[in-house]
C-alpha atoms as a PDB file:
ATOM      1  CA  MET A   1     -12.746   6.508 -16.922  1.00  0.00           C
ATOM      2  CA  LYS A   2     -14.943   4.453 -17.917  1.00  0.00           C
ATOM      3  CA  THR A   3     -12.595   1.208 -17.607  1.00  0.00           C
ATOM      4  CA  GLY A   4     -12.012   1.814 -14.186  1.00  0.00           C
ATOM      5  CA  VAL A   5     -15.528   3.176 -13.125  1.00  0.00           C
ATOM      6  CA  LYS A   6     -17.264  -0.335 -14.663  1.00  0.00           C
ATOM      7  CA  TRP A   7     -14.270  -2.905 -12.842  1.00  0.00           C
ATOM      8  CA  GLY A   8     -14.520   0.049  -9.137  1.00  0.00           C
ATOM      9  CA  LEU A   9     -18.274  -1.440  -9.711  1.00  0.00           C
ATOM     10  CA  ILE A  10     -17.255  -4.906 -10.111  1.00  0.00           C
ATOM     11  CA  LEU A  11     -14.698  -4.797  -7.603  1.00  0.00           C
ATOM     12  CA  GLY A  12     -17.558  -3.425  -4.929  1.00  0.00           C
ATOM     13  CA  ALA A  13     -20.225  -5.862  -5.941  1.00  0.00           C
ATOM     14  CA  SER A  14     -17.370  -8.767  -5.520  1.00  0.00           C
ATOM     15  CA  VAL A  15     -17.202  -7.538  -1.958  1.00  0.00           C
ATOM     16  CA  VAL A  16     -20.768  -7.804  -1.400  1.00  0.00           C
ATOM     17  CA  VAL A  17     -20.484 -11.366  -2.842  1.00  0.00           C
ATOM     18  CA  TRP A  18     -17.708 -12.029  -0.780  1.00  0.00           C
ATOM     19  CA  THR A  19     -19.255 -11.032   2.246  1.00  0.00           C
ATOM     20  CA  LEU A  20     -22.166 -12.317   2.230  1.00  0.00           C
ATOM     21  CA  VAL A  21     -20.450 -15.916   0.900  1.00  0.00           C
ATOM     22  CA  ILE A  22     -18.330 -15.664   3.750  1.00  0.00           C
ATOM     23  CA  HIS A  23     -21.267 -14.704   6.083  1.00  0.00           C
ATOM     24  CA  GLY A  24     -22.605 -17.616   4.732  1.00  0.00           C
ATOM     25  CA  PHE A  25     -20.347 -19.841   6.103  1.00  0.00           C
ATOM     26  CA  GLY A  26     -19.809 -18.456   9.504  1.00  0.00           C
ATOM     27  CA  PHE A  27     -17.052 -16.819   9.667  1.00  0.00           C
ATOM     28  CA  TYR A  28     -18.224 -13.230  10.777  1.00  0.00           C
ATOM     29  CA  THR A  29     -20.071 -14.677  13.372  1.00  0.00           C
ATOM     30  CA  THR A  30     -19.525 -18.448  14.505  1.00  0.00           C
ATOM     31  CA  ASN A  31     -16.055 -19.246  12.837  1.00  0.00           C
ATOM     32  CA  LEU A  32     -14.096 -16.180  13.602  1.00  0.00           C
ATOM     33  CA  ALA A  33     -10.629 -17.747  13.193  1.00  0.00           C
ATOM     34  CA  ALA A  34     -11.745 -18.609   9.454  1.00  0.00           C
ATOM     35  CA  GLY A  35     -13.071 -15.132   9.035  1.00  0.00           C
ATOM     36  CA  GLN A  36      -9.730 -13.696   9.254  1.00  0.00           C
ATOM     37  CA  LYS A  37      -7.893 -15.571   7.239  1.00  0.00           C
ATOM     38  CA  ALA A  38     -11.008 -15.228   4.809  1.00  0.00           C
ATOM     39  CA  ASP A  39     -10.314 -11.110   5.463  1.00  0.00           C
ATOM     40  CA  VAL A  40      -6.849 -11.722   4.612  1.00  0.00           C
ATOM     41  CA  ILE A  41      -7.840 -14.283   1.185  1.00  0.00           C
ATOM     42  CA  ALA A  42     -10.058 -11.208  -0.283  1.00  0.00           C
ATOM     43  CA  THR A  43      -7.694  -8.919  -0.324  1.00  0.00           C
ATOM     44  CA  ILE A  44      -7.721 -11.237  -4.234  1.00  0.00           C
ATOM     45  CA  LEU A  45     -10.381  -8.616  -4.676  1.00  0.00           C
ATOM     46  CA  PRO A  46      -9.288  -5.642  -5.181  1.00  0.00           C
ATOM     47  CA  ILE A  47      -5.735  -6.638  -7.166  1.00  0.00           C
ATOM     48  CA  ALA A  48      -7.800  -9.068  -9.612  1.00  0.00           C
ATOM     49  CA  ALA A  49     -10.674  -6.303 -10.336  1.00  0.00           C
ATOM     50  CA  ILE A  50      -7.252  -3.366 -10.717  1.00  0.00           C
ATOM     51  CA  LEU A  51      -5.264  -5.240 -12.904  1.00  0.00           C
ATOM     52  CA  LEU A  52      -8.189  -6.449 -14.551  1.00  0.00           C
ATOM     53  CA  ALA A  53      -8.932  -2.832 -15.283  1.00  0.00           C
ATOM     54  CA  LEU A  54      -5.458  -2.014 -16.753  1.00  0.00           C
ATOM     55  CA  ARG A  55      -5.251  -4.966 -18.611  1.00  0.00           C
ATOM     56  CA  GLU A  56      -8.656  -3.551 -20.176  1.00  0.00           C
ATOM     57  CA  ARG A  57      -7.422  -0.663 -20.523  1.00  0.00           C
ATOM     58  CA  ARG A  58      -4.382  -1.374 -22.524  1.00  0.00           C
ATOM     59  CA  ARG A  59      -6.223  -3.654 -24.721  1.00  0.00           C
ATOM     60  CA  LEU A  60      -8.419  -0.298 -25.806  1.00  0.00           C
ATOM     61  CA  ALA A  61      -5.540   1.774 -25.760  1.00  0.00           C
ATOM     62  CA  ALA A  62      -3.562  -0.689 -28.899  1.00  0.00           C
ATOM     63  CA  GLY A  63      -0.681  -0.435 -27.143  1.00  0.00           C
ATOM     64  CA  SER A  64       0.735   0.564 -23.754  1.00  0.00           C
ATOM     65  CA  LEU A  65      -0.459   2.354 -20.622  1.00  0.00           C
ATOM     66  CA  SER A  66       1.602   5.056 -19.056  1.00  0.00           C
ATOM     67  CA  ILE A  67       2.687   4.883 -15.293  1.00  0.00           C
ATOM     68  CA  LYS A  68      -0.023   8.033 -14.852  1.00  0.00           C
ATOM     69  CA  GLU A  69      -2.635   6.086 -17.067  1.00  0.00           C
ATOM     70  CA  SER A  70      -2.060   3.051 -14.719  1.00  0.00           C
ATOM     71  CA  VAL A  71      -2.623   4.729 -11.203  1.00  0.00           C
ATOM     72  CA  VAL A  72      -4.870   7.015 -12.486  1.00  0.00           C
ATOM     73  CA  THR A  73      -7.123   4.161 -13.677  1.00  0.00           C
ATOM     74  CA  ALA A  74      -6.694   2.269  -9.845  1.00  0.00           C
ATOM     75  CA  LEU A  75      -7.306   5.114  -8.332  1.00  0.00           C
ATOM     76  CA  VAL A  76     -11.035   5.245  -9.848  1.00  0.00           C
ATOM     77  CA  VAL A  77     -11.294   1.875  -9.556  1.00  0.00           C
ATOM     78  CA  GLY A  78     -10.944   1.838  -5.556  1.00  0.00           C
ATOM     79  CA  VAL A  79     -12.270   4.576  -5.036  1.00  0.00           C
ATOM     80  CA  VAL A  80     -15.919   3.752  -7.065  1.00  0.00           C
ATOM     81  CA  SER A  81     -15.352   0.958  -5.228  1.00  0.00           C
ATOM     82  CA  VAL A  82     -16.118   3.263  -2.251  1.00  0.00           C
ATOM     83  CA  PRO A  83     -19.606   3.893  -2.290  1.00  0.00           C
ATOM     84  CA  VAL A  84     -20.594   0.510  -2.404  1.00  0.00           C
ATOM     85  CA  THR A  85     -18.519  -1.395  -0.584  1.00  0.00           C
ATOM     86  CA  ALA A  86     -19.032   0.861   2.330  1.00  0.00           C
ATOM     87  CA  GLY A  87     -22.772   1.482   2.420  1.00  0.00           C
ATOM     88  CA  PHE A  88     -23.191  -2.482   2.197  1.00  0.00           C
ATOM     89  CA  LEU A  89     -20.569  -2.792   5.322  1.00  0.00           C
ATOM     90  CA  TRP A  90     -22.319  -0.032   7.190  1.00  0.00           C
ATOM     91  CA  TRP A  91     -25.973  -1.785   6.710  1.00  0.00           C
ATOM     92  CA  TYR A  92     -24.464  -5.436   7.213  1.00  0.00           C
ATOM     93  CA  HIS A  93     -22.851  -4.109  10.775  1.00  0.00           C
ATOM     94  CA  HIS A  94     -26.016  -2.041  12.333  1.00  0.00           C
ATOM     95  CA  TYR A  95     -28.847  -4.857  10.645  1.00  0.00           C
ATOM     96  CA  MET A  96     -27.349  -7.850   9.470  1.00  0.00           C
ATOM     97  CA  ASN A  97     -24.333  -8.735  11.631  1.00  0.00           C
ATOM     98  CA  PRO A  98     -25.114  -6.007  14.592  1.00  0.00           C
ATOM     99  CA  ARG A  99     -22.731  -7.966  17.006  1.00  0.00           C
ATOM    100  CA  TRP A 100     -19.888  -8.029  14.591  1.00  0.00           C
ATOM    101  CA  LEU A 101     -17.630  -5.878  16.761  1.00  0.00           C
ATOM    102  CA  ASP A 102     -18.444  -7.585  19.859  1.00  0.00           C
ATOM    103  CA  LEU A 103     -17.745 -10.935  18.250  1.00  0.00           C
ATOM    104  CA  LEU A 104     -14.731  -9.815  17.399  1.00  0.00           C
ATOM    105  CA  VAL A 105     -13.609  -8.179  20.591  1.00  0.00           C
ATOM    106  CA  ASP A 106     -14.195 -11.551  22.138  1.00  0.00           C
ATOM    107  CA  TYR A 107     -12.469 -13.491  19.333  1.00  0.00           C
ATOM    108  CA  GLN A 108      -9.788 -11.343  19.531  1.00  0.00           C
ATOM    109  CA  ARG A 109      -9.340 -11.344  23.850  1.00  0.00           C
ATOM    110  CA  GLU A 110      -9.760 -14.730  23.716  1.00  0.00           C
ATOM    111  CA  LYS A 111      -6.992 -14.835  21.266  1.00  0.00           C
ATOM    112  CA  MET A 112      -4.692 -12.451  23.614  1.00  0.00           C
ATOM    113  CA  THR A 113      -5.267 -14.296  26.562  1.00  0.00           C
ATOM    114  CA  ALA A 114      -4.758 -17.989  25.833  1.00  0.00           C
ATOM    115  CA  ALA A 115      -1.512 -16.275  24.550  1.00  0.00           C
ATOM    116  CA  GLY A 116      -0.717 -14.838  28.159  1.00  0.00           C
ATOM    117  CA  ALA A 117      -1.078 -11.309  27.206  1.00  0.00           C
ATOM    118  CA  ALA A 118      -1.245  -8.799  30.383  1.00  0.00           C
ATOM    119  CA  ALA A 119      -5.289  -7.186  31.139  1.00  0.00           C
ATOM    120  CA  ASP A 120      -4.036  -3.888  30.525  1.00  0.00           C
ATOM    121  CA  GLU A 121      -2.489  -4.817  27.345  1.00  0.00           C
ATOM    122  CA  ILE A 122      -5.942  -6.560  26.128  1.00  0.00           C
ATOM    123  CA  ALA A 123      -7.749  -3.675  27.350  1.00  0.00           C
ATOM    124  CA  ARG A 124      -5.833  -1.425  25.630  1.00  0.00           C
ATOM    125  CA  ALA A 125      -6.327  -3.578  22.242  1.00  0.00           C
ATOM    126  CA  GLU A 126     -10.473  -3.532  23.096  1.00  0.00           C
ATOM    127  CA  ALA A 127     -10.222   0.378  23.418  1.00  0.00           C
ATOM    128  CA  GLN A 128      -8.438   0.193  20.068  1.00  0.00           C
ATOM    129  CA  GLN A 129     -10.633  -2.389  18.103  1.00  0.00           C
ATOM    130  CA  ARG A 130     -14.111  -0.574  19.053  1.00  0.00           C
ATOM    131  CA  SER A 131     -12.288   3.293  18.522  1.00  0.00           C
ATOM    132  CA  SER A 132     -11.609   1.335  15.270  1.00  0.00           C
ATOM    133  CA  GLY A 133     -15.194   0.085  14.747  1.00  0.00           C
ATOM    134  CA  THR A 134     -17.005   3.454  14.509  1.00  0.00           C
ATOM    135  CA  ASP A 135     -19.247   4.235  11.306  1.00  0.00           C
ATOM    136  CA  ALA A 136     -16.813   7.309  10.955  1.00  0.00           C
ATOM    137  CA  ALA A 137     -13.782   5.307  10.948  1.00  0.00           C
ATOM    138  CA  GLN A 138     -14.502   2.835   8.866  1.00  0.00           C
ATOM    139  CA  LEU A 139     -15.691   4.869   6.488  1.00  0.00           C
ATOM    140  CA  THR A 140     -11.994   7.025   6.590  1.00  0.00           C
ATOM    141  CA  GLY A 141     -10.528   3.488   6.611  1.00  0.00           C
ATOM    142  CA  ALA A 142     -11.995   2.373   3.223  1.00  0.00           C
ATOM    143  CA  LEU A 143     -11.802   5.819   1.855  1.00  0.00           C
ATOM    144  CA  VAL A 144      -7.893   6.424   2.407  1.00  0.00           C
ATOM    145  CA  GLY A 145      -6.628   2.810   2.768  1.00  0.00           C
ATOM    146  CA  SER A 146      -8.791   2.501  -0.497  1.00  0.00           C
ATOM    147  CA  ILE A 147      -7.099   4.921  -2.597  1.00  0.00           C
ATOM    148  CA  LEU A 148      -3.871   3.829  -0.942  1.00  0.00           C
ATOM    149  CA  VAL A 149      -4.108   0.777  -1.585  1.00  0.00           C
ATOM    150  CA  SER A 150      -5.431   0.952  -5.712  1.00  0.00           C
ATOM    151  CA  GLY A 151      -2.028   3.637  -6.021  1.00  0.00           C
ATOM    152  CA  VAL A 152       0.383   1.389  -5.226  1.00  0.00           C
ATOM    153  CA  ILE A 153      -1.690  -1.656  -7.050  1.00  0.00           C
ATOM    154  CA  GLY A 154      -1.598   0.405 -10.024  1.00  0.00           C
ATOM    155  CA  LEU A 155       1.920   1.898  -9.488  1.00  0.00           C
ATOM    156  CA  ILE A 156       3.171  -1.892  -9.826  1.00  0.00           C
ATOM    157  CA  GLY A 157       1.146  -2.561 -12.253  1.00  0.00           C
ATOM    158  CA  GLY A 158       1.551  -0.253 -15.047  1.00  0.00           C
ATOM    159  CA  LEU A 159       5.249  -1.193 -13.918  1.00  0.00           C
ATOM    160  CA  LEU A 160       4.802  -4.521 -14.826  1.00  0.00           C
ATOM    161  CA  ILE A 161       3.094  -3.530 -18.329  1.00  0.00           C
ATOM    162  CA  ARG A 162       5.813  -1.645 -18.960  1.00  0.00           C
ATOM    163  CA  TRP A 163       7.886  -4.159 -18.594  1.00  0.00           C
ATOM    164  CA  ARG A 164       6.516  -6.930 -20.267  1.00  0.00           C
ATOM    165  CA  ASP A 165       5.703  -4.313 -23.212  1.00  0.00           C
ATOM    166  CA  ALA A 166       9.333  -3.455 -23.020  1.00  0.00           C
ATOM    167  CA  MET A 167      10.203  -7.315 -22.678  1.00  0.00           C
ATOM    168  CA  ALA A 168       7.886  -7.897 -25.809  1.00  0.00           C
ATOM    169  CA  ARG A 169       9.223  -5.180 -28.405  1.00  0.00           C
ATOM    170  CA  SER A 170      12.673  -6.537 -27.752  1.00  0.00           C
ATOM    171  CA  ALA A 171      12.114 -10.042 -28.918  1.00  0.00           C
END
């Protein structure tokens, strides 16, 4: 479990650093199009943290990991990262960039208007975005998303480890 906790804290810290760097480039204030792309690229962070945790667990176990061990390790990484990331993002959204939701809504409205969306469609999208931007929605999304994403990455990582180990044994 220590490995999962360590990598969960590293993942949380990497999200904090990533957010601060991206904010420094104006991607969450003046260049939201780039921010949207940066958010997609940021999916590398949990993938890397979990795969590195699995690699470390495998090394420490001096053998292969079961699928269950891989998934549990990944879930620990994900769950441990939640308080760090959610706490920081709460602070970020309330103090460092309190206009983030308005900026994002405005950006999406402009994008939909340029694409020719109807006014009622834009209004529905704005309402949805505002409801998903509440503190409760953000925290729920962080927790549920972390569990789901971590579990899937752990399952895939565990399968890859088992496959790689099988290939090494047969060579």
